[in-house]
Amino acid sequence: MSKPEPPKGDRIAKILSRAGVASRREAERMIAAGRIAVNGATIDSPALNVTDSDTITVDGAPIKAPEPPRLWLFHKPTGLVSTDSDEKGRETIYSALPEDMPRVMSIGRLDLNSEGLLLLTNDGGVKRKLELPSTGWLRRYRARVNGRPTDTMLEPLRKGLTVEGEQFQPMTVTLDRQQGANAWLTIGLREGKNREIRRALGDIGLTVNRLIRISYGPFQLGELKLGAVEEVRRRILRDQLGLDKDDPDKKPKRATRKRPSRPRPTHQGKGRRSDG
């Protein structure tokens, strides 16, 4: 007996996400609220595949054609949370992004007091792909800690340790220099558990007083200024992610940067769930 053919098209929530309407989860809530219609009929379940021949409307207005996947580098300052909204009313990264940015989602998170490289994308598929543990991309950080760490002291991090019943995978740790009462470390990890670096260092008696993500896989913070946003060239997306193969050399627009309202840190060191 032959197997039935898979349904054509993509799930409605995926299409809404790619069109920049909402995240998949939010799109499912919009469907449940009766705000989405396909070919003139309101739907009440996200278990529906649609194709280019279908007409989709949100609150009666047709959705825009989906943009190709795009990726941006953002130099996140401290004092911003990496979520769409915050129950405590704290400022989010989205209030610091340029006004001409399209709707984007963060790939992973950096906690309130962490800074450095945060990847942003307009595509839910790219977000999920880069957050999957199986991707295994190394994330590198510069950490300033209070104390005088030694290689022997740092060895548990290299072997992997358990903190409050949670297992952390081995990290790469380099002691860069001692600077008065503080020391600078370079740390690499391949998973993004909540406040992983701060918790791991705290477990061996070190307090982190500054944490900067300097790379996420092949993407580097480099000389990107605090609060600045830069789009990754589509050729690089093709090479690194296999995306946008039809138009690899088109130059992306450079977003207009909005200056952050907080003072720039006086020292950045050498040089993204919440990894810090």
C-alpha atoms as a PDB file:
ATOM      1  CA  MET A   1       0.000   0.000   0.000  1.00  0.00           C
ATOM      2  CA  SER A   2       1.495   3.362  -1.020  1.00  0.00           C
ATOM      3  CA  LYS A   3       2.095   6.026   1.585  1.00  0.00           C
ATOM      4  CA  PRO A   4      -0.113   9.123   1.428  1.00  0.00           C
ATOM      5  CA  GLU A   5       1.604  12.196  -0.010  1.00  0.00           C
ATOM      6  CA  PRO A   6       2.600  14.831   2.548  1.00  0.00           C
ATOM      7  CA  PRO A   7       0.434  17.962   2.503  1.00  0.00           C
ATOM      8  CA  LYS A   8       1.634  20.717   0.196  1.00  0.00           C
ATOM      9  CA  GLY A   9       2.847  24.066   1.473  1.00  0.00           C
ATOM     10  CA  ASP A  10       3.831  25.092   4.992  1.00  0.00           C
ATOM     11  CA  ARG A  11       2.030  25.386   8.294  1.00  0.00           C
ATOM     12  CA  ILE A  12       0.099  28.640   8.637  1.00  0.00           C
ATOM     13  CA  ALA A  13       2.027  29.741  11.743  1.00  0.00           C
ATOM     14  CA  LYS A  14       5.324  29.385   9.872  1.00  0.00           C
ATOM     15  CA  ILE A  15       4.028  31.523   6.999  1.00  0.00           C
ATOM     16  CA  LEU A  16       2.810  34.204   9.415  1.00  0.00           C
ATOM     17  CA  SER A  17       6.181  34.204  11.156  1.00  0.00           C
ATOM     18  CA  ARG A  18       8.125  34.525   7.899  1.00  0.00           C
ATOM     19  CA  ALA A  19       5.848  37.373   6.795  1.00  0.00           C
ATOM     20  CA  GLY A  20       6.821  39.250   9.959  1.00  0.00           C
ATOM     21  CA  VAL A  21       3.325  39.108  11.487  1.00  0.00           C
ATOM     22  CA  ALA A  22       4.307  37.400  14.744  1.00  0.00           C
ATOM     23  CA  SER A  23       6.354  34.591  16.199  1.00  0.00           C
ATOM     24  CA  ARG A  24       4.927  31.100  15.638  1.00  0.00           C
ATOM     25  CA  ARG A  25       3.658  30.922  19.208  1.00  0.00           C
ATOM     26  CA  GLU A  26       2.009  34.332  18.985  1.00  0.00           C
ATOM     27  CA  ALA A  27       0.558  33.405  15.581  1.00  0.00           C
ATOM     28  CA  GLU A  28      -1.086  30.367  17.174  1.00  0.00           C
ATOM     29  CA  ARG A  29      -2.654  32.652  19.797  1.00  0.00           C
ATOM     30  CA  MET A  30      -3.910  34.956  17.034  1.00  0.00           C
ATOM     31  CA  ILE A  31      -5.474  31.960  15.265  1.00  0.00           C
ATOM     32  CA  ALA A  32      -7.183  30.867  18.493  1.00  0.00           C
ATOM     33  CA  ALA A  33      -8.524  34.414  18.882  1.00  0.00           C
ATOM     34  CA  GLY A  34     -10.141  34.251  15.408  1.00  0.00           C
ATOM     35  CA  ARG A  35      -7.959  36.930  13.847  1.00  0.00           C
ATOM     36  CA  ILE A  36      -6.643  34.847  10.914  1.00  0.00           C
ATOM     37  CA  ALA A  37      -8.570  33.906   7.766  1.00  0.00           C
ATOM     38  CA  VAL A  38      -7.540  31.756   4.793  1.00  0.00           C
ATOM     39  CA  ASN A  39      -9.383  32.281   1.502  1.00  0.00           C
ATOM     40  CA  GLY A  40     -12.049  34.269   3.327  1.00  0.00           C
ATOM     41  CA  ALA A  41     -12.752  31.664   6.038  1.00  0.00           C
ATOM     42  CA  THR A  42     -11.667  32.294   9.634  1.00  0.00           C
ATOM     43  CA  ILE A  43      -9.581  29.428  10.998  1.00  0.00           C
ATOM     44  CA  ASP A  44      -9.412  28.198  14.591  1.00  0.00           C
ATOM     45  CA  SER A  45      -6.496  25.737  14.427  1.00  0.00           C
ATOM     46  CA  PRO A  46      -2.836  26.102  13.413  1.00  0.00           C
ATOM     47  CA  ALA A  47      -2.912  22.545  11.997  1.00  0.00           C
ATOM     48  CA  LEU A  48      -3.297  23.854   8.464  1.00  0.00           C
ATOM     49  CA  ASN A  49      -0.893  23.955   5.531  1.00  0.00           C
ATOM     50  CA  VAL A  50      -1.101  26.800   3.043  1.00  0.00           C
ATOM     51  CA  THR A  51       0.541  27.486  -0.319  1.00  0.00           C
ATOM     52  CA  ASP A  52       1.276  30.550  -2.415  1.00  0.00           C
ATOM     53  CA  SER A  53      -2.136  30.216  -4.038  1.00  0.00           C
ATOM     54  CA  ASP A  54      -3.934  30.794  -0.692  1.00  0.00           C
ATOM     55  CA  THR A  55      -4.992  34.247   0.477  1.00  0.00           C
ATOM     56  CA  ILE A  56      -4.208  34.918   4.145  1.00  0.00           C
ATOM     57  CA  THR A  57      -5.553  37.897   6.061  1.00  0.00           C
ATOM     58  CA  VAL A  58      -4.935  39.199   9.569  1.00  0.00           C
ATOM     59  CA  ASP A  59      -7.796  41.253  11.019  1.00  0.00           C
ATOM     60  CA  GLY A  60      -9.116  41.529   7.457  1.00  0.00           C
ATOM     61  CA  ALA A  61      -5.883  42.827   5.923  1.00  0.00           C
ATOM     62  CA  PRO A  62      -3.787  40.648   3.580  1.00  0.00           C
ATOM     63  CA  ILE A  63      -0.311  39.746   4.829  1.00  0.00           C
ATOM     64  CA  LYS A  64       2.794  40.867   3.001  1.00  0.00           C
ATOM     65  CA  ALA A  65       4.915  38.464   0.996  1.00  0.00           C
ATOM     66  CA  PRO A  66       7.576  36.903   3.231  1.00  0.00           C
ATOM     67  CA  GLU A  67      11.003  38.488   3.151  1.00  0.00           C
ATOM     68  CA  PRO A  68      14.059  36.321   2.540  1.00  0.00           C
ATOM     69  CA  PRO A  69      15.871  35.267   5.739  1.00  0.00           C
ATOM     70  CA  ARG A  70      18.116  37.993   7.122  1.00  0.00           C
ATOM     71  CA  LEU A  71      20.553  38.185  10.031  1.00  0.00           C
ATOM     72  CA  TRP A  72      21.950  41.106  12.020  1.00  0.00           C
ATOM     73  CA  LEU A  73      24.724  41.563  14.574  1.00  0.00           C
ATOM     74  CA  PHE A  74      23.769  43.757  17.552  1.00  0.00           C
ATOM     75  CA  HIS A  75      26.214  45.017  20.175  1.00  0.00           C
ATOM     76  CA  LYS A  76      23.898  44.793  23.191  1.00  0.00           C
ATOM     77  CA  PRO A  77      24.593  47.204  26.052  1.00  0.00           C
ATOM     78  CA  THR A  78      23.985  46.246  29.667  1.00  0.00           C
ATOM     79  CA  GLY A  79      20.643  47.198  31.209  1.00  0.00           C
ATOM     80  CA  LEU A  80      18.476  45.754  28.423  1.00  0.00           C
ATOM     81  CA  VAL A  81      16.470  42.525  28.535  1.00  0.00           C
ATOM     82  CA  SER A  82      16.404  40.269  25.457  1.00  0.00           C
ATOM     83  CA  THR A  83      12.632  39.754  25.298  1.00  0.00           C
ATOM     84  CA  ASP A  84       9.715  41.384  23.440  1.00  0.00           C
ATOM     85  CA  SER A  85       8.321  42.744  26.714  1.00  0.00           C
ATOM     86  CA  ASP A  86       9.203  42.594  30.388  1.00  0.00           C
ATOM     87  CA  GLU A  87       6.798  42.014  33.260  1.00  0.00           C
ATOM     88  CA  LYS A  88       8.906  44.309  35.445  1.00  0.00           C
ATOM     89  CA  GLY A  89       8.763  47.157  32.944  1.00  0.00           C
ATOM     90  CA  ARG A  90      12.466  47.096  32.178  1.00  0.00           C
ATOM     91  CA  GLU A  91      13.783  48.409  28.876  1.00  0.00           C
ATOM     92  CA  THR A  92      14.178  45.779  26.153  1.00  0.00           C
ATOM     93  CA  ILE A  93      16.645  45.465  23.306  1.00  0.00           C
ATOM     94  CA  TYR A  94      13.859  46.396  20.877  1.00  0.00           C
ATOM     95  CA  SER A  95      13.656  49.936  22.250  1.00  0.00           C
ATOM     96  CA  ALA A  96      17.336  50.401  21.348  1.00  0.00           C
ATOM     97  CA  LEU A  97      17.127  49.106  17.770  1.00  0.00           C
ATOM     98  CA  PRO A  98      16.979  51.450  14.768  1.00  0.00           C
ATOM     99  CA  GLU A  99      13.496  52.580  13.808  1.00  0.00           C
ATOM    100  CA  ASP A 100      13.893  51.271  10.256  1.00  0.00           C
ATOM    101  CA  MET A 101      14.580  47.708  11.410  1.00  0.00           C
ATOM    102  CA  PRO A 102      11.956  45.124  10.397  1.00  0.00           C
ATOM    103  CA  ARG A 103      10.411  42.871  13.030  1.00  0.00           C
ATOM    104  CA  VAL A 104      13.201  40.669  14.384  1.00  0.00           C
ATOM    105  CA  MET A 105      13.729  37.945  16.991  1.00  0.00           C
ATOM    106  CA  SER A 106      16.823  37.379  19.096  1.00  0.00           C
ATOM    107  CA  ILE A 107      18.776  34.155  18.691  1.00  0.00           C
ATOM    108  CA  GLY A 108      19.284  33.074  22.274  1.00  0.00           C
ATOM    109  CA  ARG A 109      19.558  35.760  24.911  1.00  0.00           C
ATOM    110  CA  LEU A 110      21.983  37.793  26.932  1.00  0.00           C
ATOM    111  CA  ASP A 111      20.890  38.586  30.457  1.00  0.00           C
ATOM    112  CA  LEU A 112      20.274  42.091  31.798  1.00  0.00           C
ATOM    113  CA  ASN A 113      23.821  42.640  33.011  1.00  0.00           C
ATOM    114  CA  SER A 114      25.620  41.000  30.082  1.00  0.00           C
ATOM    115  CA  GLU A 115      26.720  42.776  26.941  1.00  0.00           C
ATOM    116  CA  GLY A 116      28.227  42.039  23.562  1.00  0.00           C
ATOM    117  CA  LEU A 117      27.153  40.146  20.458  1.00  0.00           C
ATOM    118  CA  LEU A 118      23.467  39.267  20.068  1.00  0.00           C
ATOM    119  CA  LEU A 119      22.237  37.792  16.773  1.00  0.00           C
ATOM    120  CA  LEU A 120      18.880  38.993  15.425  1.00  0.00           C
ATOM    121  CA  THR A 121      16.832  37.478  12.591  1.00  0.00           C
ATOM    122  CA  ASN A 122      13.542  38.047  10.803  1.00  0.00           C
ATOM    123  CA  ASP A 123      13.099  34.303  10.244  1.00  0.00           C
ATOM    124  CA  GLY A 124      11.836  31.797  12.828  1.00  0.00           C
ATOM    125  CA  GLY A 125      13.504  28.911  11.009  1.00  0.00           C
ATOM    126  CA  VAL A 126      16.902  30.563  11.261  1.00  0.00           C
ATOM    127  CA  LYS A 127      16.301  31.277  14.956  1.00  0.00           C
ATOM    128  CA  ARG A 128      15.469  27.640  15.731  1.00  0.00           C
ATOM    129  CA  LYS A 129      18.354  26.327  13.636  1.00  0.00           C
ATOM    130  CA  LEU A 130      20.958  28.453  15.396  1.00  0.00           C
ATOM    131  CA  GLU A 131      19.564  27.750  18.877  1.00  0.00           C
ATOM    132  CA  LEU A 132      19.532  23.968  18.479  1.00  0.00           C
ATOM    133  CA  PRO A 133      22.133  22.224  20.678  1.00  0.00           C
ATOM    134  CA  SER A 134      22.988  20.036  17.676  1.00  0.00           C
ATOM    135  CA  THR A 135      24.292  23.125  15.854  1.00  0.00           C
ATOM    136  CA  GLY A 136      27.121  23.075  18.388  1.00  0.00           C
ATOM    137  CA  TRP A 137      28.519  26.475  17.543  1.00  0.00           C
ATOM    138  CA  LEU A 138      31.066  27.814  20.004  1.00  0.00           C
ATOM    139  CA  ARG A 139      30.068  30.994  21.835  1.00  0.00           C
ATOM    140  CA  ARG A 140      33.028  32.935  23.210  1.00  0.00           C
ATOM    141  CA  TYR A 141      32.977  35.440  26.073  1.00  0.00           C
ATOM    142  CA  ARG A 142      35.313  37.783  27.873  1.00  0.00           C
ATOM    143  CA  ALA A 143      34.642  37.646  31.607  1.00  0.00           C
ATOM    144  CA  ARG A 144      36.062  39.949  34.272  1.00  0.00           C
ATOM    145  CA  VAL A 145      36.035  38.309  37.671  1.00  0.00           C
ATOM    146  CA  ASN A 146      36.892  39.519  41.140  1.00  0.00           C
ATOM    147  CA  GLY A 147      39.736  37.504  42.587  1.00  0.00           C
ATOM    148  CA  ARG A 148      42.988  35.861  41.613  1.00  0.00           C
ATOM    149  CA  PRO A 149      42.111  32.700  39.683  1.00  0.00           C
ATOM    150  CA  THR A 150      44.723  30.086  38.825  1.00  0.00           C
ATOM    151  CA  ASP A 151      44.716  27.361  36.177  1.00  0.00           C
ATOM    152  CA  THR A 152      44.174  24.786  38.918  1.00  0.00           C
ATOM    153  CA  MET A 153      41.166  26.735  40.176  1.00  0.00           C
ATOM    154  CA  LEU A 154      39.677  26.869  36.658  1.00  0.00           C
ATOM    155  CA  GLU A 155      40.152  23.162  35.902  1.00  0.00           C
ATOM    156  CA  PRO A 156      36.616  22.084  37.043  1.00  0.00           C
ATOM    157  CA  LEU A 157      35.147  24.305  34.324  1.00  0.00           C
ATOM    158  CA  ARG A 158      37.262  22.543  31.699  1.00  0.00           C
ATOM    159  CA  LYS A 159      36.129  19.123  32.911  1.00  0.00           C
ATOM    160  CA  GLY A 160      32.461  20.015  33.335  1.00  0.00           C
ATOM    161  CA  LEU A 161      30.701  20.525  36.649  1.00  0.00           C
ATOM    162  CA  THR A 162      27.281  20.262  38.254  1.00  0.00           C
ATOM    163  CA  VAL A 163      25.714  23.360  39.797  1.00  0.00           C
ATOM    164  CA  GLU A 164      22.518  23.034  41.839  1.00  0.00           C
ATOM    165  CA  GLY A 165      21.817  19.684  40.193  1.00  0.00           C
ATOM    166  CA  GLU A 166      22.329  20.979  36.645  1.00  0.00           C
ATOM    167  CA  GLN A 167      25.153  19.535  34.560  1.00  0.00           C
ATOM    168  CA  PHE A 168      27.319  21.990  32.615  1.00  0.00           C
ATOM    169  CA  GLN A 169      29.356  20.730  29.694  1.00  0.00           C
ATOM    170  CA  PRO A 170      33.142  21.337  29.637  1.00  0.00           C
ATOM    171  CA  MET A 171      34.163  24.876  28.730  1.00  0.00           C
ATOM    172  CA  THR A 172      37.351  26.230  27.230  1.00  0.00           C
ATOM    173  CA  VAL A 173      38.855  28.679  29.722  1.00  0.00           C
ATOM    174  CA  THR A 174      41.935  30.869  29.329  1.00  0.00           C
ATOM    175  CA  LEU A 175      43.345  33.135  32.026  1.00  0.00           C
ATOM    176  CA  ASP A 176      44.331  36.251  30.092  1.00  0.00           C
ATOM    177  CA  ARG A 177      45.633  38.679  32.681  1.00  0.00           C
ATOM    178  CA  GLN A 178      45.360  39.920  36.245  1.00  0.00           C
ATOM    179  CA  GLN A 179      44.296  43.558  36.542  1.00  0.00           C
ATOM    180  CA  GLY A 180      44.486  44.709  40.146  1.00  0.00           C
ATOM    181  CA  ALA A 181      41.809  42.908  42.170  1.00  0.00           C
ATOM    182  CA  ASN A 182      40.205  41.569  38.977  1.00  0.00           C
ATOM    183  CA  ALA A 183      41.194  39.054  36.302  1.00  0.00           C
ATOM    184  CA  TRP A 184      40.123  38.700  32.672  1.00  0.00           C
ATOM    185  CA  LEU A 185      39.176  35.269  31.296  1.00  0.00           C
ATOM    186  CA  THR A 186      38.207  34.093  27.817  1.00  0.00           C
ATOM    187  CA  ILE A 187      35.529  31.384  27.986  1.00  0.00           C
ATOM    188  CA  GLY A 188      34.024  29.242  25.241  1.00  0.00           C
ATOM    189  CA  LEU A 189      30.925  27.043  25.504  1.00  0.00           C
ATOM    190  CA  ARG A 190      28.625  25.163  23.137  1.00  0.00           C
ATOM    191  CA  GLU A 191      25.365  25.299  25.089  1.00  0.00           C
ATOM    192  CA  GLY A 192      23.311  28.178  26.405  1.00  0.00           C
ATOM    193  CA  LYS A 193      21.875  27.343  29.811  1.00  0.00           C
ATOM    194  CA  ASN A 194      20.505  30.145  31.951  1.00  0.00           C
ATOM    195  CA  ARG A 195      23.306  32.326  33.392  1.00  0.00           C
ATOM    196  CA  GLU A 196      25.672  29.429  32.817  1.00  0.00           C
ATOM    197  CA  ILE A 197      28.981  31.294  33.014  1.00  0.00           C
ATOM    198  CA  ARG A 198      28.051  33.318  36.103  1.00  0.00           C
ATOM    199  CA  ARG A 199      26.787  30.215  37.900  1.00  0.00           C
ATOM    200  CA  ALA A 200      29.768  28.079  36.960  1.00  0.00           C
ATOM    201  CA  LEU A 201      32.300  30.694  38.026  1.00  0.00           C
ATOM    202  CA  GLY A 202      30.351  31.355  41.219  1.00  0.00           C
ATOM    203  CA  ASP A 203      30.567  27.652  42.023  1.00  0.00           C
ATOM    204  CA  ILE A 204      34.365  27.855  42.108  1.00  0.00           C
ATOM    205  CA  GLY A 205      34.363  31.046  44.172  1.00  0.00           C
ATOM    206  CA  LEU A 206      34.649  33.745  41.501  1.00  0.00           C
ATOM    207  CA  THR A 207      32.219  36.637  41.027  1.00  0.00           C
ATOM    208  CA  VAL A 208      31.655  37.954  37.511  1.00  0.00           C
ATOM    209  CA  ASN A 209      31.493  41.741  37.385  1.00  0.00           C
ATOM    210  CA  ARG A 210      31.541  42.088  33.602  1.00  0.00           C
ATOM    211  CA  LEU A 211      30.578  39.647  30.843  1.00  0.00           C
ATOM    212  CA  ILE A 212      30.934  40.340  27.111  1.00  0.00           C
ATOM    213  CA  ARG A 213      30.017  37.895  24.351  1.00  0.00           C
ATOM    214  CA  ILE A 214      32.560  38.310  21.587  1.00  0.00           C
ATOM    215  CA  SER A 215      31.461  35.639  19.111  1.00  0.00           C
ATOM    216  CA  TYR A 216      28.657  33.211  18.217  1.00  0.00           C
ATOM    217  CA  GLY A 217      29.934  30.536  15.883  1.00  0.00           C
ATOM    218  CA  PRO A 218      31.517  32.273  12.884  1.00  0.00           C
ATOM    219  CA  PHE A 219      29.956  35.650  13.715  1.00  0.00           C
ATOM    220  CA  GLN A 220      32.243  38.079  15.551  1.00  0.00           C
ATOM    221  CA  LEU A 221      31.601  41.216  17.618  1.00  0.00           C
ATOM    222  CA  GLY A 222      34.835  42.700  16.275  1.00  0.00           C
ATOM    223  CA  GLU A 223      34.824  46.498  16.213  1.00  0.00           C
ATOM    224  CA  LEU A 224      31.028  46.878  16.206  1.00  0.00           C
ATOM    225  CA  LYS A 225      30.293  49.873  18.434  1.00  0.00           C
ATOM    226  CA  LEU A 226      28.124  49.655  21.539  1.00  0.00           C
ATOM    227  CA  GLY A 227      24.441  49.825  20.561  1.00  0.00           C
ATOM    228  CA  ALA A 228      25.202  49.443  16.849  1.00  0.00           C
ATOM    229  CA  VAL A 229      23.468  47.045  14.440  1.00  0.00           C
ATOM    230  CA  GLU A 230      25.009  45.592  11.292  1.00  0.00           C
ATOM    231  CA  GLU A 231      23.376  43.251   8.796  1.00  0.00           C
ATOM    232  CA  VAL A 232      25.266  40.134   7.740  1.00  0.00           C
ATOM    233  CA  ARG A 233      25.881  39.988   4.013  1.00  0.00           C
ATOM    234  CA  ARG A 234      23.705  37.486   2.194  1.00  0.00           C
ATOM    235  CA  ARG A 235      26.769  35.867   0.674  1.00  0.00           C
ATOM    236  CA  ILE A 236      27.921  35.024   4.199  1.00  0.00           C
ATOM    237  CA  LEU A 237      24.476  33.620   5.047  1.00  0.00           C
ATOM    238  CA  ARG A 238      24.772  31.388   2.011  1.00  0.00           C
ATOM    239  CA  ASP A 239      28.229  30.209   3.027  1.00  0.00           C
ATOM    240  CA  GLN A 240      27.520  29.695   6.740  1.00  0.00           C
ATOM    241  CA  LEU A 241      23.842  28.714   6.793  1.00  0.00           C
ATOM    242  CA  GLY A 242      23.039  27.694   3.234  1.00  0.00           C
ATOM    243  CA  LEU A 243      20.549  30.557   2.901  1.00  0.00           C
ATOM    244  CA  ASP A 244      19.614  32.940   0.096  1.00  0.00           C
ATOM    245  CA  LYS A 245      21.372  30.966  -2.601  1.00  0.00           C
ATOM    246  CA  ASP A 246      19.451  32.724  -5.361  1.00  0.00           C
ATOM    247  CA  ASP A 247      20.839  36.161  -4.574  1.00  0.00           C
ATOM    248  CA  PRO A 248      24.060  35.708  -2.629  1.00  0.00           C
ATOM    249  CA  ASP A 249      25.862  38.885  -3.573  1.00  0.00           C
ATOM    250  CA  LYS A 250      23.171  41.456  -2.971  1.00  0.00           C
ATOM    251  CA  LYS A 251      24.446  44.027  -0.527  1.00  0.00           C
ATOM    252  CA  PRO A 252      22.212  44.481   2.543  1.00  0.00           C
ATOM    253  CA  LYS A 253      21.040  47.826   3.743  1.00  0.00           C
ATOM    254  CA  ARG A 254      22.869  49.255   6.719  1.00  0.00           C
ATOM    255  CA  ALA A 255      20.473  50.142   9.501  1.00  0.00           C
ATOM    256  CA  THR A 256      20.455  53.656  10.885  1.00  0.00           C
ATOM    257  CA  ARG A 257      21.853  53.410  14.384  1.00  0.00           C
ATOM    258  CA  LYS A 258      20.111  54.898  17.361  1.00  0.00           C
ATOM    259  CA  ARG A 259      22.573  55.949  20.032  1.00  0.00           C
ATOM    260  CA  PRO A 260      22.128  54.153  23.372  1.00  0.00           C
ATOM    261  CA  SER A 261      20.959  56.318  26.242  1.00  0.00           C
ATOM    262  CA  ARG A 262      23.523  54.900  28.667  1.00  0.00           C
ATOM    263  CA  PRO A 263      27.228  55.836  28.869  1.00  0.00           C
ATOM    264  CA  ARG A 264      29.684  53.672  27.023  1.00  0.00           C
ATOM    265  CA  PRO A 265      31.757  51.370  29.278  1.00  0.00           C
ATOM    266  CA  THR A 266      35.258  52.627  29.905  1.00  0.00           C
ATOM    267  CA  HIS A 267      36.926  49.245  29.206  1.00  0.00           C
ATOM    268  CA  GLN A 268      35.818  46.523  26.867  1.00  0.00           C
ATOM    269  CA  GLY A 269      38.635  44.020  27.110  1.00  0.00           C
ATOM    270  CA  LYS A 270      39.954  42.283  24.012  1.00  0.00           C
ATOM    271  CA  GLY A 271      38.032  42.253  21.409  1.00  0.00           C
ATOM    272  CA  ARG A 272      25.424  35.772  22.779  1.00  0.00           C
ATOM    273  CA  ARG A 273      17.616  31.084  27.073  1.00  0.00           C
ATOM    274  CA  SER A 274      20.324  33.577  28.511  1.00  0.00           C
ATOM    275  CA  ASP A 275      23.848  32.351  27.999  1.00  0.00           C
ATOM    276  CA  GLY A 276      25.483  34.770  30.392  1.00  0.00           C
END
